[in-house]
Amino acid sequence: MFHKLIIILLVFAALDSSAQHPNFYSINDENGLPVNEVYQVIQDKKRFIWIGCDMGLFSL
């Protein structure tokens, strides 16, 4: 009985591990940002994203 419980828990743990891949996308000079080198990214209270790079400060 104990072995069956361990196997069931391992199967559920393996199924849950596929949800650990977050979605992401790249913002670079080909799709909106004038440079590829970014020093800092922050988000303010109004949900604007501010990107600091060597050419200045940009918002998205």
PDB file of N, CA and C in Angstrom:
ATOM      1  N   MET A   1       0.826  -1.194   0.000  1.00  0.00           N
ATOM      2  CA  MET A   1       0.000   0.000   0.000  1.00  0.00           C
ATOM      3  C   MET A   1       0.872   1.260   0.000  1.00  0.00           C
ATOM      4  N   PHE A   2       1.933   1.235   0.773  1.00  0.00           N
ATOM      5  CA  PHE A   2       2.816   2.390   0.864  1.00  0.00           C
ATOM      6  C   PHE A   2       3.492   2.668  -0.480  1.00  0.00           C
ATOM      7  N   HIS A   3       3.881   1.612  -1.193  1.00  0.00           N
ATOM      8  CA  HIS A   3       4.549   1.769  -2.489  1.00  0.00           C
ATOM      9  C   HIS A   3       3.604   2.371  -3.527  1.00  0.00           C
ATOM     10  N   LYS A   4       2.339   1.997  -3.490  1.00  0.00           N
ATOM     11  CA  LYS A   4       1.371   2.557  -4.422  1.00  0.00           C
ATOM     12  C   LYS A   4       1.167   4.045  -4.168  1.00  0.00           C
ATOM     13  N   LEU A   5       1.160   4.436  -2.913  1.00  0.00           N
ATOM     14  CA  LEU A   5       1.014   5.846  -2.562  1.00  0.00           C
ATOM     15  C   LEU A   5       2.213   6.657  -3.057  1.00  0.00           C
ATOM     16  N   ILE A   6       3.398   6.127  -2.899  1.00  0.00           N
ATOM     17  CA  ILE A   6       4.604   6.812  -3.379  1.00  0.00           C
ATOM     18  C   ILE A   6       4.569   6.962  -4.893  1.00  0.00           C
ATOM     19  N   ILE A   7       4.156   5.923  -5.599  1.00  0.00           N
ATOM     20  CA  ILE A   7       4.089   5.983  -7.063  1.00  0.00           C
ATOM     21  C   ILE A   7       3.057   7.012  -7.511  1.00  0.00           C
ATOM     22  N   ILE A   8       1.918   7.064  -6.859  1.00  0.00           N
ATOM     23  CA  ILE A   8       0.884   8.044  -7.205  1.00  0.00           C
ATOM     24  C   ILE A   8       1.392   9.459  -6.955  1.00  0.00           C
ATOM     25  N   LEU A   9       2.072   9.696  -5.855  1.00  0.00           N
ATOM     26  CA  LEU A   9       2.612  11.019  -5.562  1.00  0.00           C
ATOM     27  C   LEU A   9       3.678  11.423  -6.574  1.00  0.00           C
ATOM     28  N   LEU A  10       4.509  10.494  -7.000  1.00  0.00           N
ATOM     29  CA  LEU A  10       5.528  10.801  -8.001  1.00  0.00           C
ATOM     30  C   LEU A  10       4.912  11.126  -9.352  1.00  0.00           C
ATOM     31  N   VAL A  11       3.840  10.431  -9.717  1.00  0.00           N
ATOM     32  CA  VAL A  11       3.163  10.717 -10.983  1.00  0.00           C
ATOM     33  C   VAL A  11       2.569  12.118 -10.949  1.00  0.00           C
ATOM     34  N   PHE A  12       1.904  12.491  -9.856  1.00  0.00           N
ATOM     35  CA  PHE A  12       1.340  13.839  -9.748  1.00  0.00           C
ATOM     36  C   PHE A  12       2.421  14.902  -9.722  1.00  0.00           C
ATOM     37  N   ALA A  13       3.550  14.639  -9.096  1.00  0.00           N
ATOM     38  CA  ALA A  13       4.651  15.594  -9.079  1.00  0.00           C
ATOM     39  C   ALA A  13       5.227  15.781 -10.479  1.00  0.00           C
ATOM     40  N   ALA A  14       5.313  14.712 -11.254  1.00  0.00           N
ATOM     41  CA  ALA A  14       5.820  14.810 -12.623  1.00  0.00           C
ATOM     42  C   ALA A  14       4.856  15.585 -13.513  1.00  0.00           C
ATOM     43  N   LEU A  15       3.564  15.415 -13.318  1.00  0.00           N
ATOM     44  CA  LEU A  15       2.580  16.147 -14.113  1.00  0.00           C
ATOM     45  C   LEU A  15       2.590  17.631 -13.788  1.00  0.00           C
ATOM     46  N   ASP A  16       2.834  17.975 -12.544  1.00  0.00           N
ATOM     47  CA  ASP A  16       2.831  19.367 -12.118  1.00  0.00           C
ATOM     48  C   ASP A  16       4.083  20.106 -12.569  1.00  0.00           C
ATOM     49  N   SER A  17       5.170  19.421 -12.845  1.00  0.00           N
ATOM     50  CA  SER A  17       6.418  20.095 -13.195  1.00  0.00           C
ATOM     51  C   SER A  17       6.365  20.753 -14.565  1.00  0.00           C
ATOM     52  N   SER A  18       5.419  20.394 -15.417  1.00  0.00           N
ATOM     53  CA  SER A  18       5.327  21.020 -16.737  1.00  0.00           C
ATOM     54  C   SER A  18       4.801  22.450 -16.658  1.00  0.00           C
ATOM     55  N   ALA A  19       4.246  22.871 -15.548  1.00  0.00           N
ATOM     56  CA  ALA A  19       3.709  24.219 -15.398  1.00  0.00           C
ATOM     57  C   ALA A  19       4.763  25.219 -14.957  1.00  0.00           C
ATOM     58  N   GLN A  20       6.015  24.850 -14.952  1.00  0.00           N
ATOM     59  CA  GLN A  20       7.073  25.718 -14.461  1.00  0.00           C
ATOM     60  C   GLN A  20       7.794  26.464 -15.578  1.00  0.00           C
ATOM     61  N   HIS A  21       7.176  26.630 -16.742  1.00  0.00           N
ATOM     62  CA  HIS A  21       7.795  27.323 -17.860  1.00  0.00           C
ATOM     63  C   HIS A  21       6.994  28.591 -18.157  1.00  0.00           C
ATOM     64  N   PRO A  22       7.460  29.750 -17.665  1.00  0.00           N
ATOM     65  CA  PRO A  22       6.702  30.984 -17.884  1.00  0.00           C
ATOM     66  C   PRO A  22       6.795  31.462 -19.338  1.00  0.00           C
ATOM     67  N   ASN A  23       5.810  32.209 -19.754  1.00  0.00           N
ATOM     68  CA  ASN A  23       5.830  32.802 -21.088  1.00  0.00           C
ATOM     69  C   ASN A  23       6.727  34.029 -21.074  1.00  0.00           C
ATOM     70  N   PHE A  24       7.441  34.270 -22.167  1.00  0.00           N
ATOM     71  CA  PHE A  24       8.277  35.455 -22.278  1.00  0.00           C
ATOM     72  C   PHE A  24       8.372  35.860 -23.739  1.00  0.00           C
ATOM     73  N   TYR A  25       8.751  37.090 -23.964  1.00  0.00           N
ATOM     74  CA  TYR A  25       9.010  37.562 -25.314  1.00  0.00           C
ATOM     75  C   TYR A  25      10.172  38.528 -25.263  1.00  0.00           C
ATOM     76  N   SER A  26      10.801  38.714 -26.375  1.00  0.00           N
ATOM     77  CA  SER A  26      12.001  39.530 -26.467  1.00  0.00           C
ATOM     78  C   SER A  26      11.657  40.892 -27.063  1.00  0.00           C
ATOM     79  N   ILE A  27      12.121  41.944 -26.424  1.00  0.00           N
ATOM     80  CA  ILE A  27      11.991  43.302 -26.960  1.00  0.00           C
ATOM     81  C   ILE A  27      13.397  43.759 -27.287  1.00  0.00           C
ATOM     82  N   ASN A  28      13.656  44.018 -28.559  1.00  0.00           N
ATOM     83  CA  ASN A  28      14.980  44.453 -28.975  1.00  0.00           C
ATOM     84  C   ASN A  28      14.858  45.503 -30.069  1.00  0.00           C
ATOM     85  N   ASP A  29      15.959  45.797 -30.730  1.00  0.00           N
ATOM     86  CA  ASP A  29      15.931  46.850 -31.735  1.00  0.00           C
ATOM     87  C   ASP A  29      15.129  46.466 -32.975  1.00  0.00           C
ATOM     88  N   GLU A  30      14.831  45.203 -33.164  1.00  0.00           N
ATOM     89  CA  GLU A  30      14.029  44.787 -34.311  1.00  0.00           C
ATOM     90  C   GLU A  30      12.530  45.005 -34.095  1.00  0.00           C
ATOM     91  N   ASN A  31      12.082  45.099 -32.827  1.00  0.00           N
ATOM     92  CA  ASN A  31      10.644  45.246 -32.585  1.00  0.00           C
ATOM     93  C   ASN A  31      10.303  46.331 -31.569  1.00  0.00           C
ATOM     94  N   GLY A  32      11.033  47.447 -31.587  1.00  0.00           N
ATOM     95  CA  GLY A  32      10.578  48.580 -30.800  1.00  0.00           C
ATOM     96  C   GLY A  32      11.608  49.269 -29.925  1.00  0.00           C
ATOM     97  N   LEU A  33      12.559  48.575 -29.386  1.00  0.00           N
ATOM     98  CA  LEU A  33      13.558  49.202 -28.526  1.00  0.00           C
ATOM     99  C   LEU A  33      14.762  49.595 -29.381  1.00  0.00           C
ATOM    100  N   PRO A  34      15.277  50.819 -29.249  1.00  0.00           N
ATOM    101  CA  PRO A  34      16.337  51.263 -30.156  1.00  0.00           C
ATOM    102  C   PRO A  34      17.709  50.615 -29.911  1.00  0.00           C
ATOM    103  N   VAL A  35      17.887  49.919 -28.810  1.00  0.00           N
ATOM    104  CA  VAL A  35      19.176  49.283 -28.508  1.00  0.00           C
ATOM    105  C   VAL A  35      18.945  47.880 -27.967  1.00  0.00           C
ATOM    106  N   ASN A  36      19.983  47.069 -27.966  1.00  0.00           N
ATOM    107  CA  ASN A  36      19.895  45.718 -27.417  1.00  0.00           C
ATOM    108  C   ASN A  36      20.395  45.634 -25.983  1.00  0.00           C
ATOM    109  N   GLU A  37      21.122  46.636 -25.498  1.00  0.00           N
ATOM    110  CA  GLU A  37      21.706  46.588 -24.156  1.00  0.00           C
ATOM    111  C   GLU A  37      20.821  47.344 -23.171  1.00  0.00           C
ATOM    112  N   VAL A  38      20.249  46.624 -22.205  1.00  0.00           N
ATOM    113  CA  VAL A  38      19.336  47.202 -21.211  1.00  0.00           C
ATOM    114  C   VAL A  38      19.985  47.084 -19.844  1.00  0.00           C
ATOM    115  N   TYR A  39      19.960  48.193 -19.077  1.00  0.00           N
ATOM    116  CA  TYR A  39      20.557  48.200 -17.748  1.00  0.00           C
ATOM    117  C   TYR A  39      19.554  47.919 -16.640  1.00  0.00           C
ATOM    118  N   GLN A  40      18.326  48.413 -16.766  1.00  0.00           N
ATOM    119  CA  GLN A  40      17.341  48.201 -15.713  1.00  0.00           C
ATOM    120  C   GLN A  40      15.930  48.272 -16.285  1.00  0.00           C
ATOM    121  N   VAL A  41      15.032  47.462 -15.710  1.00  0.00           N
ATOM    122  CA  VAL A  41      13.626  47.449 -16.087  1.00  0.00           C
ATOM    123  C   VAL A  41      12.805  47.520 -14.808  1.00  0.00           C
ATOM    124  N   ILE A  42      11.878  48.479 -14.734  1.00  0.00           N
ATOM    125  CA  ILE A  42      10.986  48.587 -13.573  1.00  0.00           C
ATOM    126  C   ILE A  42       9.565  48.830 -14.072  1.00  0.00           C
ATOM    127  N   GLN A  43       8.586  48.565 -13.191  1.00  0.00           N
ATOM    128  CA  GLN A  43       7.180  48.814 -13.491  1.00  0.00           C
ATOM    129  C   GLN A  43       6.617  49.716 -12.414  1.00  0.00           C
ATOM    130  N   ASP A  44       5.942  50.795 -12.815  1.00  0.00           N
ATOM    131  CA  ASP A  44       5.404  51.732 -11.832  1.00  0.00           C
ATOM    132  C   ASP A  44       3.993  51.326 -11.409  1.00  0.00           C
ATOM    133  N   LYS A  45       3.361  52.157 -10.574  1.00  0.00           N
ATOM    134  CA  LYS A  45       2.032  51.850 -10.038  1.00  0.00           C
ATOM    135  C   LYS A  45       0.945  51.853 -11.108  1.00  0.00           C
ATOM    136  N   LYS A  46       1.167  52.597 -12.185  1.00  0.00           N
ATOM    137  CA  LYS A  46       0.194  52.639 -13.279  1.00  0.00           C
ATOM    138  C   LYS A  46       0.458  51.555 -14.311  1.00  0.00           C
ATOM    139  N   ARG A  47       1.341  50.615 -14.008  1.00  0.00           N
ATOM    140  CA  ARG A  47       1.678  49.447 -14.822  1.00  0.00           C
ATOM    141  C   ARG A  47       2.438  49.790 -16.102  1.00  0.00           C
ATOM    142  N   PHE A  48       3.093  50.973 -16.128  1.00  0.00           N
ATOM    143  CA  PHE A  48       3.990  51.286 -17.221  1.00  0.00           C
ATOM    144  C   PHE A  48       5.324  50.597 -16.959  1.00  0.00           C
ATOM    145  N   ILE A  49       5.948  50.097 -17.987  1.00  0.00           N
ATOM    146  CA  ILE A  49       7.255  49.471 -17.866  1.00  0.00           C
ATOM    147  C   ILE A  49       8.292  50.478 -18.342  1.00  0.00           C
ATOM    148  N   TRP A  50       9.266  50.786 -17.497  1.00  0.00           N
ATOM    149  CA  TRP A  50      10.322  51.734 -17.800  1.00  0.00           C
ATOM    150  C   TRP A  50      11.618  50.960 -18.010  1.00  0.00           C
ATOM    151  N   ILE A  51      12.285  51.247 -19.121  1.00  0.00           N
ATOM    152  CA  ILE A  51      13.513  50.567 -19.497  1.00  0.00           C
ATOM    153  C   ILE A  51      14.639  51.577 -19.585  1.00  0.00           C
ATOM    154  N   GLY A  52      15.688  51.353 -18.800  1.00  0.00           N
ATOM    155  CA  GLY A  52      16.860  52.217 -18.828  1.00  0.00           C
ATOM    156  C   GLY A  52      17.966  51.556 -19.632  1.00  0.00           C
ATOM    157  N   CYS A  53      18.491  52.298 -20.616  1.00  0.00           N
ATOM    158  CA  CYS A  53      19.574  51.763 -21.449  1.00  0.00           C
ATOM    159  C   CYS A  53      20.570  52.888 -21.723  1.00  0.00           C
ATOM    160  N   ASP A  54      21.563  52.631 -22.549  1.00  0.00           N
ATOM    161  CA  ASP A  54      22.611  53.632 -22.788  1.00  0.00           C
ATOM    162  C   ASP A  54      22.114  54.804 -23.639  1.00  0.00           C
ATOM    163  N   MET A  55      20.964  54.683 -24.291  1.00  0.00           N
ATOM    164  CA  MET A  55      20.419  55.785 -25.085  1.00  0.00           C
ATOM    165  C   MET A  55      19.351  56.577 -24.334  1.00  0.00           C
ATOM    166  N   GLY A  56      19.082  56.226 -23.075  1.00  0.00           N
ATOM    167  CA  GLY A  56      18.106  56.973 -22.301  1.00  0.00           C
ATOM    168  C   GLY A  56      17.072  56.078 -21.636  1.00  0.00           C
ATOM    169  N   LEU A  57      15.936  56.689 -21.275  1.00  0.00           N
ATOM    170  CA  LEU A  57      14.847  56.016 -20.584  1.00  0.00           C
ATOM    171  C   LEU A  57      13.664  55.891 -21.532  1.00  0.00           C
ATOM    172  N   PHE A  58      13.110  54.685 -21.642  1.00  0.00           N
ATOM    173  CA  PHE A  58      11.985  54.430 -22.524  1.00  0.00           C
ATOM    174  C   PHE A  58      10.872  53.780 -21.736  1.00  0.00           C
ATOM    175  N   SER A  59       9.620  53.987 -22.176  1.00  0.00           N
ATOM    176  CA  SER A  59       8.484  53.346 -21.508  1.00  0.00           C
ATOM    177  C   SER A  59       7.685  52.537 -22.518  1.00  0.00           C
ATOM    178  N   LEU A  60       7.055  51.493 -21.999  1.00  0.00           N
ATOM    179  CA  LEU A  60       6.193  50.639 -22.827  1.00  0.00           C
ATOM    180  C   LEU A  60       4.808  50.598 -22.229  1.00  0.00           C
TER     181      LEU A  60
END
